Amino acid sequence: MGSVGDCVDNALMESFWARVQVELLDRRRWRTRLELSTALFEYLEIFHNRQRRHSALGILSPVEYELRATPVA
């Protein structure tokens, strides 16, 4: 962790929220907070964590990465 004012302190989270903004939040208007929170939950739990391909994982989804990385017993 850097010192106060370092430009890289929040780089990871800023990048994540920028991606959420582009892929989810800017695509429509939300009528209620409940509707938004439900959409955000679905985006994170269903799309981002299971289906979206991540460059840090070799352009694999987390599920694909785990299947390849886990040895079969």
PDB file of N, CA and C in Angstrom:
ATOM      1  N   MET A   1       0.852  -1.169   0.000  1.00  0.00           N
ATOM      2  CA  MET A   1       0.000   0.000   0.000  1.00  0.00           C
ATOM      3  C   MET A   1       0.892   1.224   0.000  1.00  0.00           C
ATOM      4  N   GLY A   2       0.557   2.202  -0.785  1.00  0.00           N
ATOM      5  CA  GLY A   2       1.349   3.421  -0.865  1.00  0.00           C
ATOM      6  C   GLY A   2       0.952   4.427   0.198  1.00  0.00           C
ATOM      7  N   SER A   3       1.591   5.545   0.126  1.00  0.00           N
ATOM      8  CA  SER A   3       1.278   6.620   1.069  1.00  0.00           C
ATOM      9  C   SER A   3       0.091   7.440   0.555  1.00  0.00           C
ATOM     10  N   VAL A   4      -0.381   8.336   1.388  1.00  0.00           N
ATOM     11  CA  VAL A   4      -1.532   9.160   1.023  1.00  0.00           C
ATOM     12  C   VAL A   4      -1.213   9.951  -0.240  1.00  0.00           C
ATOM     13  N   GLY A   5      -2.121   9.902  -1.184  1.00  0.00           N
ATOM     14  CA  GLY A   5      -1.961  10.665  -2.410  1.00  0.00           C
ATOM     15  C   GLY A   5      -1.298   9.913  -3.541  1.00  0.00           C
ATOM     16  N   ASP A   6      -0.841   8.679  -3.315  1.00  0.00           N
ATOM     17  CA  ASP A   6      -0.256   7.899  -4.404  1.00  0.00           C
ATOM     18  C   ASP A   6      -1.333   7.584  -5.428  1.00  0.00           C
ATOM     19  N   CYS A   7      -0.963   7.684  -6.678  1.00  0.00           N
ATOM     20  CA  CYS A   7      -1.951   7.484  -7.734  1.00  0.00           C
ATOM     21  C   CYS A   7      -2.326   6.020  -7.908  1.00  0.00           C
ATOM     22  N   VAL A   8      -1.543   5.097  -7.393  1.00  0.00           N
ATOM     23  CA  VAL A   8      -1.840   3.681  -7.596  1.00  0.00           C
ATOM     24  C   VAL A   8      -2.593   3.042  -6.429  1.00  0.00           C
ATOM     25  N   ASP A   9      -2.898   3.793  -5.389  1.00  0.00           N
ATOM     26  CA  ASP A   9      -3.575   3.226  -4.223  1.00  0.00           C
ATOM     27  C   ASP A   9      -4.869   2.524  -4.574  1.00  0.00           C
ATOM     28  N   ASN A  10      -5.692   3.159  -5.357  1.00  0.00           N
ATOM     29  CA  ASN A  10      -7.019   2.625  -5.659  1.00  0.00           C
ATOM     30  C   ASN A  10      -7.162   2.209  -7.118  1.00  0.00           C
ATOM     31  N   ALA A  11      -6.065   1.982  -7.792  1.00  0.00           N
ATOM     32  CA  ALA A  11      -6.120   1.694  -9.221  1.00  0.00           C
ATOM     33  C   ALA A  11      -6.958   0.465  -9.537  1.00  0.00           C
ATOM     34  N   LEU A  12      -6.806  -0.584  -8.762  1.00  0.00           N
ATOM     35  CA  LEU A  12      -7.561  -1.805  -9.024  1.00  0.00           C
ATOM     36  C   LEU A  12      -9.062  -1.578  -8.875  1.00  0.00           C
ATOM     37  N   MET A  13      -9.469  -0.946  -7.800  1.00  0.00           N
ATOM     38  CA  MET A  13     -10.902  -0.706  -7.581  1.00  0.00           C
ATOM     39  C   MET A  13     -11.464   0.310  -8.575  1.00  0.00           C
ATOM     40  N   GLU A  14     -10.686   1.321  -8.912  1.00  0.00           N
ATOM     41  CA  GLU A  14     -11.148   2.292  -9.904  1.00  0.00           C
ATOM     42  C   GLU A  14     -11.356   1.622 -11.254  1.00  0.00           C
ATOM     43  N   SER A  15     -10.455   0.714 -11.611  1.00  0.00           N
ATOM     44  CA  SER A  15     -10.596  -0.019 -12.862  1.00  0.00           C
ATOM     45  C   SER A  15     -11.835  -0.911 -12.826  1.00  0.00           C
ATOM     46  N   PHE A  16     -12.050  -1.595 -11.715  1.00  0.00           N
ATOM     47  CA  PHE A  16     -13.223  -2.461 -11.566  1.00  0.00           C
ATOM     48  C   PHE A  16     -14.518  -1.663 -11.696  1.00  0.00           C
ATOM     49  N   TRP A  17     -14.629  -0.558 -10.959  1.00  0.00           N
ATOM     50  CA  TRP A  17     -15.867   0.211 -10.994  1.00  0.00           C
ATOM     51  C   TRP A  17     -16.079   0.908 -12.338  1.00  0.00           C
ATOM     52  N   ALA A  18     -14.987   1.232 -13.033  1.00  0.00           N
ATOM     53  CA  ALA A  18     -15.129   1.787 -14.380  1.00  0.00           C
ATOM     54  C   ALA A  18     -15.738   0.741 -15.307  1.00  0.00           C
ATOM     55  N   ARG A  19     -15.312  -0.510 -15.159  1.00  0.00           N
ATOM     56  CA  ARG A  19     -15.855  -1.597 -15.976  1.00  0.00           C
ATOM     57  C   ARG A  19     -17.330  -1.829 -15.648  1.00  0.00           C
ATOM     58  N   VAL A  20     -17.694  -1.812 -14.372  1.00  0.00           N
ATOM     59  CA  VAL A  20     -19.100  -1.968 -13.967  1.00  0.00           C
ATOM     60  C   VAL A  20     -19.927  -0.830 -14.551  1.00  0.00           C
ATOM     61  N   GLN A  21     -19.387   0.363 -14.523  1.00  0.00           N
ATOM     62  CA  GLN A  21     -20.085   1.538 -15.062  1.00  0.00           C
ATOM     63  C   GLN A  21     -20.415   1.331 -16.538  1.00  0.00           C
ATOM     64  N   VAL A  22     -19.421   0.881 -17.302  1.00  0.00           N
ATOM     65  CA  VAL A  22     -19.606   0.706 -18.747  1.00  0.00           C
ATOM     66  C   VAL A  22     -20.517  -0.480 -19.059  1.00  0.00           C
ATOM     67  N   GLU A  23     -20.295  -1.611 -18.385  1.00  0.00           N
ATOM     68  CA  GLU A  23     -21.016  -2.831 -18.729  1.00  0.00           C
ATOM     69  C   GLU A  23     -22.415  -2.925 -18.125  1.00  0.00           C
ATOM     70  N   LEU A  24     -22.695  -2.157 -17.064  1.00  0.00           N
ATOM     71  CA  LEU A  24     -23.999  -2.300 -16.419  1.00  0.00           C
ATOM     72  C   LEU A  24     -24.702  -0.968 -16.184  1.00  0.00           C
ATOM     73  N   LEU A  25     -24.076  -0.092 -15.450  1.00  0.00           N
ATOM     74  CA  LEU A  25     -24.775   1.096 -14.945  1.00  0.00           C
ATOM     75  C   LEU A  25     -25.185   2.079 -16.027  1.00  0.00           C
ATOM     76  N   ASP A  26     -24.363   2.258 -17.050  1.00  0.00           N
ATOM     77  CA  ASP A  26     -24.670   3.242 -18.089  1.00  0.00           C
ATOM     78  C   ASP A  26     -25.628   2.729 -19.154  1.00  0.00           C
ATOM     79  N   ARG A  27     -26.045   1.501 -19.063  1.00  0.00           N
ATOM     80  CA  ARG A  27     -26.868   0.915 -20.114  1.00  0.00           C
ATOM     81  C   ARG A  27     -28.359   1.208 -19.983  1.00  0.00           C
ATOM     82  N   ARG A  28     -28.790   1.636 -18.818  1.00  0.00           N
ATOM     83  CA  ARG A  28     -30.218   1.948 -18.630  1.00  0.00           C
ATOM     84  C   ARG A  28     -30.419   2.787 -17.380  1.00  0.00           C
ATOM     85  N   ARG A  29     -31.634   3.268 -17.203  1.00  0.00           N
ATOM     86  CA  ARG A  29     -31.997   4.016 -16.001  1.00  0.00           C
ATOM     87  C   ARG A  29     -32.665   3.065 -15.033  1.00  0.00           C
ATOM     88  N   TRP A  30     -32.394   3.254 -13.755  1.00  0.00           N
ATOM     89  CA  TRP A  30     -32.926   2.380 -12.721  1.00  0.00           C
ATOM     90  C   TRP A  30     -34.042   3.107 -11.993  1.00  0.00           C
ATOM     91  N   ARG A  31     -35.198   2.458 -11.869  1.00  0.00           N
ATOM     92  CA  ARG A  31     -36.353   3.096 -11.237  1.00  0.00           C
ATOM     93  C   ARG A  31     -36.264   3.092  -9.716  1.00  0.00           C
ATOM     94  N   THR A  32     -35.722   2.024  -9.141  1.00  0.00           N
ATOM     95  CA  THR A  32     -35.634   1.930  -7.686  1.00  0.00           C
ATOM     96  C   THR A  32     -34.252   1.437  -7.276  1.00  0.00           C
ATOM     97  N   ARG A  33     -33.920   1.667  -6.028  1.00  0.00           N
ATOM     98  CA  ARG A  33     -32.647   1.159  -5.515  1.00  0.00           C
ATOM     99  C   ARG A  33     -32.648  -0.365  -5.477  1.00  0.00           C
ATOM    100  N   LEU A  34     -33.792  -0.942  -5.202  1.00  0.00           N
ATOM    101  CA  LEU A  34     -33.896  -2.399  -5.169  1.00  0.00           C
ATOM    102  C   LEU A  34     -33.608  -2.991  -6.548  1.00  0.00           C
ATOM    103  N   GLU A  35     -34.142  -2.376  -7.589  1.00  0.00           N
ATOM    104  CA  GLU A  35     -33.898  -2.829  -8.949  1.00  0.00           C
ATOM    105  C   GLU A  35     -32.407  -2.738  -9.285  1.00  0.00           C
ATOM    106  N   LEU A  36     -31.785  -1.658  -8.900  1.00  0.00           N
ATOM    107  CA  LEU A  36     -30.353  -1.473  -9.141  1.00  0.00           C
ATOM    108  C   LEU A  36     -29.528  -2.479  -8.345  1.00  0.00           C
ATOM    109  N   SER A  37     -29.852  -2.661  -7.076  1.00  0.00           N
ATOM    110  CA  SER A  37     -29.076  -3.589  -6.256  1.00  0.00           C
ATOM    111  C   SER A  37     -29.226  -5.027  -6.752  1.00  0.00           C
ATOM    112  N   THR A  38     -30.400  -5.387  -7.229  1.00  0.00           N
ATOM    113  CA  THR A  38     -30.608  -6.716  -7.794  1.00  0.00           C
ATOM    114  C   THR A  38     -29.784  -6.903  -9.064  1.00  0.00           C
ATOM    115  N   ALA A  39     -29.793  -5.901  -9.923  1.00  0.00           N
ATOM    116  CA  ALA A  39     -29.013  -5.969 -11.162  1.00  0.00           C
ATOM    117  C   ALA A  39     -27.515  -6.027 -10.860  1.00  0.00           C
ATOM    118  N   LEU A  40     -27.072  -5.270  -9.887  1.00  0.00           N
ATOM    119  CA  LEU A  40     -25.656  -5.272  -9.514  1.00  0.00           C
ATOM    120  C   LEU A  40     -25.259  -6.636  -8.944  1.00  0.00           C
ATOM    121  N   PHE A  41     -26.096  -7.211  -8.098  1.00  0.00           N
ATOM    122  CA  PHE A  41     -25.832  -8.538  -7.554  1.00  0.00           C
ATOM    123  C   PHE A  41     -25.737  -9.574  -8.674  1.00  0.00           C
ATOM    124  N   GLU A  42     -26.685  -9.552  -9.601  1.00  0.00           N
ATOM    125  CA  GLU A  42     -26.667 -10.500 -10.710  1.00  0.00           C
ATOM    126  C   GLU A  42     -25.438 -10.311 -11.581  1.00  0.00           C
ATOM    127  N   TYR A  43     -25.067  -9.054 -11.841  1.00  0.00           N
ATOM    128  CA  TYR A  43     -23.873  -8.784 -12.643  1.00  0.00           C
ATOM    129  C   TYR A  43     -22.639  -9.382 -11.973  1.00  0.00           C
ATOM    130  N   LEU A  44     -22.481  -9.139 -10.674  1.00  0.00           N
ATOM    131  CA  LEU A  44     -21.294  -9.611  -9.974  1.00  0.00           C
ATOM    132  C   LEU A  44     -21.280 -11.126  -9.808  1.00  0.00           C
ATOM    133  N   GLU A  45     -22.355 -11.689  -9.313  1.00  0.00           N
ATOM    134  CA  GLU A  45     -22.372 -13.111  -8.978  1.00  0.00           C
ATOM    135  C   GLU A  45     -22.550 -14.031 -10.178  1.00  0.00           C
ATOM    136  N   ILE A  46     -23.298 -13.588 -11.175  1.00  0.00           N
ATOM    137  CA  ILE A  46     -23.568 -14.465 -12.312  1.00  0.00           C
ATOM    138  C   ILE A  46     -22.631 -14.182 -13.480  1.00  0.00           C
ATOM    139  N   PHE A  47     -22.463 -12.922 -13.836  1.00  0.00           N
ATOM    140  CA  PHE A  47     -21.642 -12.611 -15.007  1.00  0.00           C
ATOM    141  C   PHE A  47     -20.173 -12.441 -14.661  1.00  0.00           C
ATOM    142  N   HIS A  48     -19.840 -11.492 -13.820  1.00  0.00           N
ATOM    143  CA  HIS A  48     -18.436 -11.153 -13.565  1.00  0.00           C
ATOM    144  C   HIS A  48     -17.673 -12.302 -12.927  1.00  0.00           C
ATOM    145  N   ASN A  49     -18.221 -12.925 -11.929  1.00  0.00           N
ATOM    146  CA  ASN A  49     -17.509 -13.975 -11.198  1.00  0.00           C
ATOM    147  C   ASN A  49     -17.549 -15.345 -11.867  1.00  0.00           C
ATOM    148  N   ARG A  50     -18.456 -15.562 -12.812  1.00  0.00           N
ATOM    149  CA  ARG A  50     -18.584 -16.894 -13.414  1.00  0.00           C
ATOM    150  C   ARG A  50     -18.337 -16.932 -14.909  1.00  0.00           C
ATOM    151  N   GLN A  51     -18.691 -15.857 -15.642  1.00  0.00           N
ATOM    152  CA  GLN A  51     -18.664 -15.926 -17.100  1.00  0.00           C
ATOM    153  C   GLN A  51     -17.658 -14.983 -17.749  1.00  0.00           C
ATOM    154  N   ARG A  52     -17.477 -13.795 -17.198  1.00  0.00           N
ATOM    155  CA  ARG A  52     -16.627 -12.790 -17.828  1.00  0.00           C
ATOM    156  C   ARG A  52     -15.187 -13.282 -17.885  1.00  0.00           C
ATOM    157  N   ARG A  53     -14.570 -13.120 -19.042  1.00  0.00           N
ATOM    158  CA  ARG A  53     -13.179 -13.526 -19.207  1.00  0.00           C
ATOM    159  C   ARG A  53     -12.270 -12.467 -18.588  1.00  0.00           C
ATOM    160  N   HIS A  54     -11.276 -12.917 -17.833  1.00  0.00           N
ATOM    161  CA  HIS A  54     -10.370 -12.026 -17.121  1.00  0.00           C
ATOM    162  C   HIS A  54      -8.970 -12.143 -17.706  1.00  0.00           C
ATOM    163  N   SER A  55      -8.356 -11.014 -17.999  1.00  0.00           N
ATOM    164  CA  SER A  55      -7.001 -11.034 -18.559  1.00  0.00           C
ATOM    165  C   SER A  55      -5.997 -11.633 -17.582  1.00  0.00           C
ATOM    166  N   ALA A  56      -6.198 -11.440 -16.294  1.00  0.00           N
ATOM    167  CA  ALA A  56      -5.281 -11.990 -15.297  1.00  0.00           C
ATOM    168  C   ALA A  56      -5.350 -13.522 -15.247  1.00  0.00           C
ATOM    169  N   LEU A  57      -6.397 -14.110 -15.813  1.00  0.00           N
ATOM    170  CA  LEU A  57      -6.554 -15.565 -15.818  1.00  0.00           C
ATOM    171  C   LEU A  57      -6.283 -16.152 -17.197  1.00  0.00           C
ATOM    172  N   GLY A  58      -5.569 -15.411 -18.039  1.00  0.00           N
ATOM    173  CA  GLY A  58      -5.268 -15.909 -19.377  1.00  0.00           C
ATOM    174  C   GLY A  58      -6.465 -15.894 -20.295  1.00  0.00           C
ATOM    175  N   ILE A  59      -7.310 -14.894 -20.169  1.00  0.00           N
ATOM    176  CA  ILE A  59      -8.530 -14.722 -20.959  1.00  0.00           C
ATOM    177  C   ILE A  59      -9.468 -15.921 -20.806  1.00  0.00           C
ATOM    178  N   LEU A  60      -9.552 -16.415 -19.593  1.00  0.00           N
ATOM    179  CA  LEU A  60     -10.506 -17.465 -19.250  1.00  0.00           C
ATOM    180  C   LEU A  60     -11.492 -16.923 -18.241  1.00  0.00           C
ATOM    181  N   SER A  61     -12.674 -17.521 -18.206  1.00  0.00           N
ATOM    182  CA  SER A  61     -13.605 -17.163 -17.143  1.00  0.00           C
ATOM    183  C   SER A  61     -13.093 -17.818 -15.863  1.00  0.00           C
ATOM    184  N   PRO A  62     -13.484 -17.319 -14.702  1.00  0.00           N
ATOM    185  CA  PRO A  62     -13.046 -17.954 -13.454  1.00  0.00           C
ATOM    186  C   PRO A  62     -13.420 -19.430 -13.367  1.00  0.00           C
ATOM    187  N   VAL A  63     -14.579 -19.805 -13.881  1.00  0.00           N
ATOM    188  CA  VAL A  63     -14.992 -21.211 -13.851  1.00  0.00           C
ATOM    189  C   VAL A  63     -14.064 -22.052 -14.727  1.00  0.00           C
ATOM    190  N   GLU A  64     -13.762 -21.572 -15.941  1.00  0.00           N
ATOM    191  CA  GLU A  64     -12.856 -22.297 -16.826  1.00  0.00           C
ATOM    192  C   GLU A  64     -11.462 -22.420 -16.210  1.00  0.00           C
ATOM    193  N   TYR A  65     -11.006 -21.343 -15.600  1.00  0.00           N
ATOM    194  CA  TYR A  65      -9.688 -21.340 -14.973  1.00  0.00           C
ATOM    195  C   TYR A  65      -9.615 -22.370 -13.844  1.00  0.00           C
ATOM    196  N   GLU A  66     -10.625 -22.411 -12.996  1.00  0.00           N
ATOM    197  CA  GLU A  66     -10.648 -23.375 -11.894  1.00  0.00           C
ATOM    198  C   GLU A  66     -10.696 -24.805 -12.408  1.00  0.00           C
ATOM    199  N   LEU A  67     -11.452 -25.055 -13.475  1.00  0.00           N
ATOM    200  CA  LEU A  67     -11.533 -26.404 -14.032  1.00  0.00           C
ATOM    201  C   LEU A  67     -10.182 -26.850 -14.576  1.00  0.00           C
ATOM    202  N   ARG A  68      -9.449 -25.937 -15.199  1.00  0.00           N
ATOM    203  CA  ARG A  68      -8.131 -26.274 -15.744  1.00  0.00           C
ATOM    204  C   ARG A  68      -7.068 -26.395 -14.658  1.00  0.00           C
ATOM    205  N   ALA A  69      -7.202 -25.600 -13.604  1.00  0.00           N
ATOM    206  CA  ALA A  69      -6.171 -25.561 -12.558  1.00  0.00           C
ATOM    207  C   ALA A  69      -6.349 -26.663 -11.526  1.00  0.00           C
ATOM    208  N   THR A  70      -7.547 -27.194 -11.387  1.00  0.00           N
ATOM    209  CA  THR A  70      -7.819 -28.204 -10.372  1.00  0.00           C
ATOM    210  C   THR A  70      -7.513 -29.592 -10.927  1.00  0.00           C
ATOM    211  N   PRO A  71      -6.589 -30.305 -10.287  1.00  0.00           N
ATOM    212  CA  PRO A  71      -6.295 -31.664 -10.754  1.00  0.00           C
ATOM    213  C   PRO A  71      -7.460 -32.613 -10.446  1.00  0.00           C
ATOM    214  N   VAL A  72      -7.692 -33.533 -11.327  1.00  0.00           N
ATOM    215  CA  VAL A  72      -8.759 -34.515 -11.132  1.00  0.00           C
ATOM    216  C   VAL A  72      -8.236 -35.598 -10.203  1.00  0.00           C
ATOM    217  N   ALA A  73      -9.012 -35.929  -9.177  1.00  0.00           N
ATOM    218  CA  ALA A  73      -8.562 -36.924  -8.193  1.00  0.00           C
ATOM    219  C   ALA A  73      -8.792 -38.326  -8.655  1.00  0.00           C
TER     220      ALA A  73
END
